[in-house]
N, C-alpha and C. Protein backbone atom coordinates (compact mmCIF):
# COMPACT_ATOMS: atom_id res chain seq x y z
N UNK A 1 97.83 84.72 126.87
CA UNK A 1 98.64 85.61 126.12
C UNK A 1 98.21 85.73 124.57
N UNK A 2 98.43 84.43 124.15
CA UNK A 2 98.24 84.31 122.52
C UNK A 2 96.94 84.98 122.15
N UNK A 3 96.04 84.50 123.00
CA UNK A 3 94.64 84.95 122.51
C UNK A 3 94.56 86.68 122.60
N UNK A 4 94.89 87.18 123.76
CA UNK A 4 95.07 88.71 123.59
C UNK A 4 95.82 89.14 122.57
N UNK A 5 96.94 88.72 122.18
CA UNK A 5 98.00 89.10 121.11
C UNK A 5 97.15 89.15 119.72
N UNK A 6 96.27 87.94 119.52
CA UNK A 6 95.58 88.12 118.30
C UNK A 6 94.48 88.99 118.35
N UNK A 7 93.65 88.99 119.56
CA UNK A 7 92.56 89.70 119.42
C UNK A 7 93.39 91.55 119.65
N UNK A 8 94.12 91.86 120.14
CA UNK A 8 94.81 93.04 119.87
C UNK A 8 95.15 93.36 118.81
N UNK A 9 95.95 92.28 118.25
CA UNK A 9 96.20 92.70 116.61
C UNK A 9 94.94 92.88 115.56
N UNK A 10 93.90 92.22 115.73
CA UNK A 10 92.75 92.26 115.14
C UNK A 10 92.32 93.89 115.32
N UNK A 11 92.16 94.19 116.74
CA UNK A 11 91.66 95.48 116.81
C UNK A 11 92.26 96.50 116.53
N UNK A 12 93.42 96.54 116.18
CA UNK A 12 94.34 97.74 115.75
C UNK A 12 94.96 98.11 116.87
N UNK A 13 94.80 97.55 118.31
CA UNK A 13 95.76 97.74 119.23
C UNK A 13 96.95 98.01 119.48
N UNK A 14 97.60 97.40 118.62
CA UNK A 14 99.10 97.08 118.29
C UNK A 14 99.46 98.01 117.25
N UNK A 15 98.42 98.68 116.60
CA UNK A 15 98.89 99.60 115.47
C UNK A 15 98.91 99.24 114.16
N UNK A 16 98.46 97.98 113.97
CA UNK A 16 98.96 97.34 112.76
C UNK A 16 97.52 97.93 111.65
N UNK A 17 97.94 98.67 110.57
CA UNK A 17 96.68 98.87 109.53
C UNK A 17 96.27 97.83 109.00
N UNK A 18 94.93 98.07 108.34
CA UNK A 18 94.24 97.09 108.07
C UNK A 18 94.92 96.72 106.45
N UNK A 19 95.76 97.26 106.12
CA UNK A 19 96.30 97.21 104.75
C UNK A 19 97.27 95.86 104.49
N UNK A 20 97.46 95.20 105.67
CA UNK A 20 98.69 94.13 105.66
C UNK A 20 98.01 93.24 104.86
N UNK A 21 99.09 92.44 104.00
CA UNK A 21 98.70 91.45 103.14
C UNK A 21 98.23 90.47 103.95
N UNK A 22 97.38 89.30 103.28
CA UNK A 22 96.80 88.32 104.14
C UNK A 22 98.03 87.40 104.84
N UNK A 23 99.13 86.90 104.08
CA UNK A 23 99.88 86.12 104.36
C UNK A 23 100.76 86.82 105.28
N UNK A 24 100.71 87.96 105.45
CA UNK A 24 101.86 88.75 106.31
C UNK A 24 101.05 89.11 107.58
N UNK A 25 100.02 89.09 107.64
CA UNK A 25 99.05 89.41 108.53
C UNK A 25 98.95 87.69 109.31
N UNK A 26 99.16 86.74 108.80
CA UNK A 26 99.00 85.27 109.27
C UNK A 26 100.47 85.13 110.04
N UNK A 27 101.69 85.49 109.08
CA UNK A 27 103.02 85.47 109.59
C UNK A 27 103.15 86.17 110.92
N UNK A 28 102.59 87.53 110.98
CA UNK A 28 102.93 88.36 111.73
C UNK A 28 102.06 87.87 113.25
N UNK A 29 100.72 87.37 113.07
CA UNK A 29 99.97 86.63 114.16
C UNK A 29 101.14 85.71 114.75
N UNK A 30 101.50 84.64 113.87
CA UNK A 30 102.12 83.37 114.48
C UNK A 30 103.67 83.83 115.26
N UNK A 31 104.15 85.09 114.47
CA UNK A 31 105.32 85.65 115.39
C UNK A 31 104.96 85.92 116.69
N UNK A 32 103.77 86.77 116.75
CA UNK A 32 103.17 87.33 118.21
C UNK A 32 102.86 86.40 118.98
N UNK A 33 102.57 85.16 118.44
CA UNK A 33 102.09 84.28 119.43
C UNK A 33 103.23 83.44 120.39
N UNK A 34 104.35 83.76 119.44
CA UNK A 34 105.86 82.85 120.29
C UNK A 34 106.26 84.25 120.99
N UNK A 35 105.79 85.37 121.61
CA UNK A 35 106.31 86.28 122.48
C UNK A 35 106.51 85.33 123.74
N UNK A 36 107.61 85.61 124.36
CA UNK A 36 108.13 85.11 125.75
C UNK A 36 108.82 83.44 125.44
N UNK A 37 109.16 82.94 124.01
CA UNK A 37 109.89 82.13 124.04
C UNK A 37 111.19 82.36 123.83
N UNK A 38 112.11 81.37 124.46
CA UNK A 38 113.45 82.17 124.59
C UNK A 38 114.05 82.03 123.43
N UNK A 39 115.41 82.98 123.23
CA UNK A 39 116.07 82.88 122.06
C UNK A 39 117.06 81.60 122.18
N UNK A 40 117.14 80.86 121.13
CA UNK A 40 118.34 79.95 121.01
C UNK A 40 118.90 79.87 119.85
N UNK A 41 120.22 80.16 119.76
CA UNK A 41 121.03 80.55 118.56
C UNK A 41 121.07 79.31 117.41
N UNK A 42 120.23 79.07 116.42
CA UNK A 42 120.22 78.25 115.38
C UNK A 42 118.77 77.65 115.67
N UNK A 43 118.18 77.96 116.61
CA UNK A 43 116.99 77.02 116.77
C UNK A 43 115.82 77.57 116.11
N UNK A 44 114.90 76.70 116.07
CA UNK A 44 113.48 77.16 115.60
C UNK A 44 113.46 76.70 114.06
N UNK A 45 112.36 76.91 113.35
CA UNK A 45 112.07 76.77 111.94
C UNK A 45 110.77 76.51 111.59
N UNK A 46 110.57 75.75 110.40
CA UNK A 46 109.34 75.72 109.92
C UNK A 46 108.14 74.95 110.99
N UNK A 47 108.65 74.25 112.00
CA UNK A 47 107.92 73.38 112.74
C UNK A 47 107.90 73.97 113.98
N UNK A 48 108.42 75.18 114.33
CA UNK A 48 108.31 75.89 115.73
C UNK A 48 109.47 76.06 116.40
N UNK A 49 109.44 76.21 117.46
CA UNK A 49 110.82 76.51 118.45
C UNK A 49 111.44 75.01 118.44
N UNK A 50 112.77 75.23 118.51
CA UNK A 50 113.60 73.95 118.61
C UNK A 50 114.80 74.11 119.25
N UNK A 51 115.75 72.88 119.31
CA UNK A 51 117.02 73.31 119.97
C UNK A 51 117.77 73.59 119.08
N UNK A 52 118.69 74.84 119.62
CA UNK A 52 120.00 75.45 118.67
C UNK A 52 121.24 74.75 118.74
N UNK A 53 122.19 75.18 118.41
CA UNK A 53 123.45 74.70 118.26
C UNK A 53 124.26 75.84 118.78
N UNK A 54 125.52 75.17 119.37
CA UNK A 54 126.66 76.12 120.13
C UNK A 54 126.02 76.67 121.23
N UNK A 55 125.96 77.98 121.22
CA UNK A 55 125.31 78.62 122.48
C UNK A 55 123.94 78.24 122.72
N UNK A 56 123.18 77.94 121.62
CA UNK A 56 121.80 77.34 121.72
C UNK A 56 121.32 76.01 122.01
N UNK A 57 122.40 75.21 122.02
CA UNK A 57 122.15 73.73 122.05
C UNK A 57 121.30 73.26 123.37
N UNK A 58 121.25 74.32 124.52
CA UNK A 58 120.50 73.46 125.69
C UNK A 58 119.04 74.39 125.93
N UNK A 59 118.80 75.01 124.86
CA UNK A 59 117.56 76.07 124.74
C UNK A 59 116.64 75.78 123.70
N UNK A 60 115.34 75.17 124.02
CA UNK A 60 114.46 75.22 123.07
C UNK A 60 113.73 76.57 122.80
N UNK A 61 114.13 76.98 121.41
CA UNK A 61 113.45 78.31 121.08
C UNK A 61 113.72 78.68 119.84
N UNK A 62 113.89 80.32 119.64
CA UNK A 62 114.04 80.42 118.01
C UNK A 62 115.11 81.54 118.12
N UNK A 63 116.08 81.68 116.70
CA UNK A 63 116.83 82.54 116.59
C UNK A 63 116.24 83.38 115.70
N UNK A 64 116.56 84.60 115.52
CA UNK A 64 115.97 85.59 114.34
C UNK A 64 115.15 84.73 113.08
N UNK A 65 116.20 84.18 112.51
CA UNK A 65 115.76 83.74 111.42
C UNK A 65 114.85 82.53 111.35
N UNK A 66 114.93 81.79 112.42
CA UNK A 66 114.10 80.70 112.65
C UNK A 66 112.52 81.11 113.06
N UNK A 67 112.66 82.13 113.74
CA UNK A 67 111.20 82.74 114.00
C UNK A 67 110.50 83.17 112.87
N UNK A 68 111.40 84.17 111.71
CA UNK A 68 110.55 84.58 110.53
C UNK A 68 110.57 83.39 109.74
N UNK A 69 111.21 82.22 109.89
CA UNK A 69 111.15 81.23 108.79
C UNK A 69 109.80 80.25 109.37
N UNK A 70 109.46 80.43 110.52
CA UNK A 70 108.34 79.66 111.02
C UNK A 70 107.04 80.67 110.75
N UNK A 71 107.14 81.78 111.21
CA UNK A 71 105.86 82.76 110.73
C UNK A 71 105.57 82.70 109.43
N UNK A 72 106.35 82.84 108.63
CA UNK A 72 105.98 82.67 107.29
C UNK A 72 105.60 81.24 106.80
N UNK A 73 106.22 80.09 107.25
CA UNK A 73 105.53 78.81 107.07
C UNK A 73 104.11 78.56 107.52
N UNK A 74 103.87 79.28 108.60
CA UNK A 74 102.52 79.26 108.99
C UNK A 74 101.69 79.91 107.89
N UNK A 75 102.14 80.81 107.06
CA UNK A 75 101.34 81.29 106.03
C UNK A 75 101.42 80.59 104.93
N UNK A 76 102.33 79.30 104.92
CA UNK A 76 102.19 78.77 103.52
C UNK A 76 103.32 79.06 102.58
N UNK A 77 104.41 80.14 103.32
CA UNK A 77 105.49 80.52 102.44
C UNK A 77 106.94 80.00 103.04
N UNK A 78 107.68 79.51 102.15
CA UNK A 78 108.92 78.98 102.70
C UNK A 78 109.84 80.11 102.25
N UNK A 79 110.66 80.49 103.13
CA UNK A 79 111.35 81.85 103.01
C UNK A 79 113.01 81.28 103.41
N UNK A 80 112.98 80.23 103.63
CA UNK A 80 114.55 79.70 103.99
C UNK A 80 115.19 79.90 105.26
N UNK A 81 116.23 79.10 105.70
CA UNK A 81 116.36 79.23 107.06
C UNK A 81 117.35 80.25 107.93
N UNK A 82 118.04 80.93 107.08
CA UNK A 82 118.95 81.96 107.32
C UNK A 82 118.58 83.51 107.02
N UNK A 83 119.39 84.37 107.73
CA UNK A 83 119.01 85.52 107.13
C UNK A 83 119.32 86.00 105.61
N UNK A 84 120.21 85.71 105.38
CA UNK A 84 120.83 85.74 103.94
C UNK A 84 119.81 85.23 103.09
N UNK A 85 119.10 84.03 103.22
CA UNK A 85 118.22 83.26 102.43
C UNK A 85 116.85 84.47 102.37
N UNK A 86 116.68 84.63 103.51
CA UNK A 86 115.49 85.35 104.01
C UNK A 86 115.72 86.77 102.98
N UNK A 87 116.70 87.50 103.02
CA UNK A 87 116.94 88.91 102.39
C UNK A 87 116.81 88.65 100.93
N UNK A 88 117.24 87.33 100.29
CA UNK A 88 117.08 87.21 98.77
C UNK A 88 115.62 86.77 98.53
N UNK A 89 114.86 86.43 99.26
CA UNK A 89 113.55 86.03 98.84
C UNK A 89 112.48 87.44 98.99
N UNK A 90 111.35 87.09 98.13
CA UNK A 90 110.52 88.20 98.04
C UNK A 90 110.92 89.41 97.52
N UNK A 91 110.46 90.74 97.74
CA UNK A 91 110.52 92.11 97.01
C UNK A 91 111.02 92.73 98.01
N UNK A 92 112.01 93.44 97.54
CA UNK A 92 112.57 94.85 98.61
C UNK A 92 111.73 95.96 98.39
N UNK A 93 111.01 96.49 99.30
CA UNK A 93 110.34 97.74 99.42
C UNK A 93 111.02 98.86 100.00
N UNK A 94 110.64 100.00 99.87
CA UNK A 94 111.12 101.27 100.74
C UNK A 94 110.68 101.15 101.80
N UNK A 95 111.52 101.75 102.72
CA UNK A 95 110.91 101.66 104.26
C UNK A 95 109.83 102.32 104.45
N UNK A 96 109.30 103.32 103.86
CA UNK A 96 107.97 104.33 103.96
C UNK A 96 106.89 103.31 103.41
N UNK A 97 107.34 102.25 102.55
CA UNK A 97 105.92 101.75 102.16
C UNK A 97 106.01 100.24 103.08
N UNK A 98 106.57 100.09 104.17
CA UNK A 98 106.61 98.88 105.05
C UNK A 98 105.07 98.81 105.60
N UNK A 99 104.59 97.42 105.30
CA UNK A 99 103.55 96.99 106.22
C UNK A 99 103.64 95.96 107.10
N UNK A 100 102.83 95.59 108.11
CA UNK A 100 102.93 94.67 109.19
C UNK A 100 103.05 93.27 108.71
N UNK A 101 103.90 92.60 109.04
CA UNK A 101 104.29 91.28 108.35
C UNK A 101 105.29 91.21 107.58
N UNK A 102 105.87 92.61 107.06
CA UNK A 102 107.06 92.77 106.31
C UNK A 102 108.49 92.11 107.24
N UNK A 103 109.31 91.79 106.51
CA UNK A 103 110.57 91.35 107.04
C UNK A 103 111.49 92.64 106.95
N UNK A 104 112.06 92.74 108.15
CA UNK A 104 112.86 93.98 108.39
C UNK A 104 114.39 93.23 108.72
N UNK A 105 115.48 94.08 107.95
CA UNK A 105 116.84 93.30 107.98
C UNK A 105 117.83 94.24 108.87
N UNK A 106 118.46 93.85 109.45
CA UNK A 106 119.64 94.75 110.02
C UNK A 106 121.04 94.28 109.71
N UNK A 107 122.00 95.00 109.88
CA UNK A 107 123.32 94.77 109.54
C UNK A 107 124.29 95.85 109.99
N UNK A 108 124.74 95.41 111.36
CA UNK A 108 125.61 96.40 112.25
C UNK A 108 127.11 96.65 111.73
N UNK A 109 127.40 95.45 110.74
CA UNK A 109 128.77 95.42 110.21
C UNK A 109 128.54 95.62 108.71
N UNK A 110 128.85 96.76 108.38
CA UNK A 110 128.46 96.96 106.63
C UNK A 110 129.94 96.27 105.86
N UNK A 111 130.94 96.35 106.37
CA UNK A 111 132.06 95.68 106.00
C UNK A 111 131.73 94.00 105.36
N UNK A 112 130.94 93.42 106.04
CA UNK A 112 130.42 92.06 105.72
C UNK A 112 129.22 92.28 104.89
N UNK A 113 129.14 91.26 103.85
CA UNK A 113 128.00 91.37 103.03
C UNK A 113 126.74 90.63 103.61
N UNK A 114 125.51 91.09 103.37
CA UNK A 114 124.20 90.79 104.04
C UNK A 114 123.79 91.08 105.43
N UNK A 115 122.60 90.65 105.63
CA UNK A 115 122.00 90.91 106.93
C UNK A 115 122.50 89.82 107.99
N UNK A 116 122.64 90.35 109.36
CA UNK A 116 122.58 89.79 110.32
C UNK A 116 121.52 89.49 111.47
N UNK A 117 120.67 90.22 111.09
CA UNK A 117 119.28 90.14 111.95
C UNK A 117 117.94 90.32 111.26
N UNK A 118 117.18 89.60 111.52
CA UNK A 118 115.63 89.96 111.05
C UNK A 118 114.58 90.10 112.15
N UNK A 119 113.56 90.72 111.62
CA UNK A 119 112.44 90.84 112.51
C UNK A 119 111.02 90.92 111.54
N UNK A 120 109.79 90.93 112.28
CA UNK A 120 108.53 91.28 111.62
C UNK A 120 108.27 92.51 111.81
N UNK A 121 107.83 93.03 110.95
CA UNK A 121 107.18 94.25 111.27
C UNK A 121 105.87 94.46 111.90
N UNK A 122 105.55 95.42 113.02
CA UNK A 122 104.48 94.91 113.72
C UNK A 122 103.53 96.44 113.03
N UNK A 123 104.53 97.29 112.84
CA UNK A 123 103.74 98.68 112.28
C UNK A 123 105.12 99.48 111.78
N UNK A 124 104.88 100.73 111.47
CA UNK A 124 106.15 101.46 110.97
C UNK A 124 106.99 101.93 112.29
N UNK A 125 106.77 101.33 113.53
CA UNK A 125 107.55 101.96 114.64
C UNK A 125 107.89 100.57 115.46
N UNK A 126 107.35 99.40 115.46
CA UNK A 126 107.91 98.29 116.15
C UNK A 126 108.01 97.12 115.15
N UNK A 127 108.87 96.12 115.84
CA UNK A 127 108.91 94.65 115.31
C UNK A 127 108.83 93.70 116.41
N UNK A 128 108.19 92.69 115.90
CA UNK A 128 108.49 91.03 116.81
C UNK A 128 109.97 90.58 116.29
N UNK A 129 110.56 89.98 117.19
CA UNK A 129 111.67 89.41 116.97
C UNK A 129 112.20 88.65 117.94
N UNK A 130 113.17 87.92 117.64
CA UNK A 130 114.01 86.86 118.52
C UNK A 130 115.21 87.67 118.87
N UNK A 131 115.68 88.44 119.75
CA UNK A 131 116.95 89.38 119.72
C UNK A 131 118.25 88.89 119.81
N UNK A 132 118.43 88.15 120.99
CA UNK A 132 119.99 87.42 121.35
C UNK A 132 119.87 86.46 122.37
N UNK A 133 120.89 85.69 122.60
CA UNK A 133 121.06 84.62 123.71
C UNK A 133 120.60 85.35 124.99
N UNK A 134 119.72 84.77 125.72
CA UNK A 134 119.45 85.29 126.92
C UNK A 134 118.22 86.24 127.04
N UNK A 135 117.66 86.34 125.83
CA UNK A 135 116.64 87.03 125.55
C UNK A 135 115.17 86.31 125.38
N UNK A 136 113.80 86.84 125.37
CA UNK A 136 112.73 86.28 124.74
C UNK A 136 112.45 86.66 123.61
N UNK A 137 111.57 86.19 122.77
CA UNK A 137 110.84 86.67 121.96
C UNK A 137 109.98 88.06 122.28
N UNK A 138 110.24 89.04 121.47
CA UNK A 138 109.50 90.27 122.07
C UNK A 138 109.55 91.32 120.93
N UNK A 139 108.67 92.43 121.50
CA UNK A 139 108.54 93.49 120.52
C UNK A 139 109.58 94.68 121.02
N UNK A 140 109.85 95.17 120.20
CA UNK A 140 111.13 96.31 119.98
C UNK A 140 110.82 97.28 119.07
N UNK A 141 111.38 98.51 119.20
CA UNK A 141 111.47 99.46 118.31
C UNK A 141 111.87 99.16 117.10
N UNK A 142 111.70 99.68 115.79
CA UNK A 142 112.02 99.46 114.76
C UNK A 142 113.20 100.44 114.12
N UNK A 143 112.95 101.56 115.13
CA UNK A 143 113.90 102.80 114.62
C UNK A 143 115.24 102.29 115.19
N UNK A 144 116.28 101.57 114.31
CA UNK A 144 117.67 101.38 114.65
C UNK A 144 118.38 101.93 113.29
N UNK A 145 119.66 102.38 113.95
CA UNK A 145 120.59 102.93 112.82
C UNK A 145 121.00 101.83 111.81
N UNK A 146 121.00 100.59 112.34
CA UNK A 146 121.37 99.25 111.32
C UNK A 146 120.75 98.88 110.49
N UNK A 147 119.19 99.19 110.41
CA UNK A 147 118.27 98.98 109.31
C UNK A 147 118.77 99.09 107.88
N UNK A 148 118.81 97.75 107.48
CA UNK A 148 119.33 97.79 106.00
C UNK A 148 118.41 97.54 105.08
N UNK A 149 117.21 97.11 105.46
CA UNK A 149 115.84 97.14 104.35
C UNK A 149 114.89 96.30 104.57
N UNK A 150 114.20 96.41 103.86
CA UNK A 150 112.50 95.70 104.17
C UNK A 150 112.39 94.69 102.87
N UNK A 151 111.79 93.59 103.07
CA UNK A 151 111.45 92.70 102.06
C UNK A 151 109.91 91.82 102.45
N UNK A 152 109.20 92.23 101.43
CA UNK A 152 107.78 91.72 101.50
C UNK A 152 108.09 90.46 100.92
N UNK A 153 107.16 89.31 101.60
CA UNK A 153 107.22 88.17 101.24
C UNK A 153 105.88 87.73 100.27
N UNK A 154 104.90 88.37 100.38
CA UNK A 154 103.58 88.02 99.78
C UNK A 154 103.56 88.65 98.19
N UNK A 155 104.15 87.60 97.06
CA UNK A 155 104.08 88.05 95.88
C UNK A 155 102.83 87.91 95.28
N UNK A 156 101.81 87.23 95.73
CA UNK A 156 100.53 86.96 95.23
C UNK A 156 99.66 87.95 95.29
N UNK A 157 99.84 89.05 95.87
CA UNK A 157 99.15 89.96 96.46
C UNK A 157 99.15 91.38 95.41
N UNK A 158 97.89 91.92 94.97
CA UNK A 158 98.15 93.06 94.35
C UNK A 158 98.06 94.37 94.96
N UNK A 159 98.92 94.92 94.77
CA UNK A 159 98.94 96.53 95.40
C UNK A 159 98.02 97.24 95.11
N UNK A 160 97.15 97.06 94.13
CA UNK A 160 96.17 97.83 93.77
C UNK A 160 95.13 98.13 94.87
N UNK A 161 94.84 97.23 95.72
CA UNK A 161 93.73 97.30 96.72
C UNK A 161 94.24 98.86 97.54
N UNK A 162 92.90 99.29 98.11
CA UNK A 162 93.05 100.58 98.66
C UNK A 162 93.43 100.52 99.98
């Protein structure tokens, strides 16, 4: 499956524009390679899937921030292990400038400060993420009412390229 995912991404079959940054592309491919890995609350990190805590203690996999941390570590960028740390790194960009590999953050409870979920944008319509206990890492629609914002982690890239 990983070979197909990488080949499909490279060919544009997933709709990923060629404008994705180098590290964003690497991170996105790393996340796509994890499709099918179980969700594990508190699980995963820079070294890949891991056993979580609490509800995730018996499952080897990723929670949402663990998947994002792993994907960006594969690209050589350390972004922290929680959604809050990841929200505070990189640069926030307007949703209409979203690129493949950008982190997309969600918050369904605006009374509580900070994001509660993160995924990696595949394109302007889809993301790869570890959604919830009992689910697997997968691709889902990006169009959700609880979208909080977009963060780009590749700070070394110049946006002057066309």
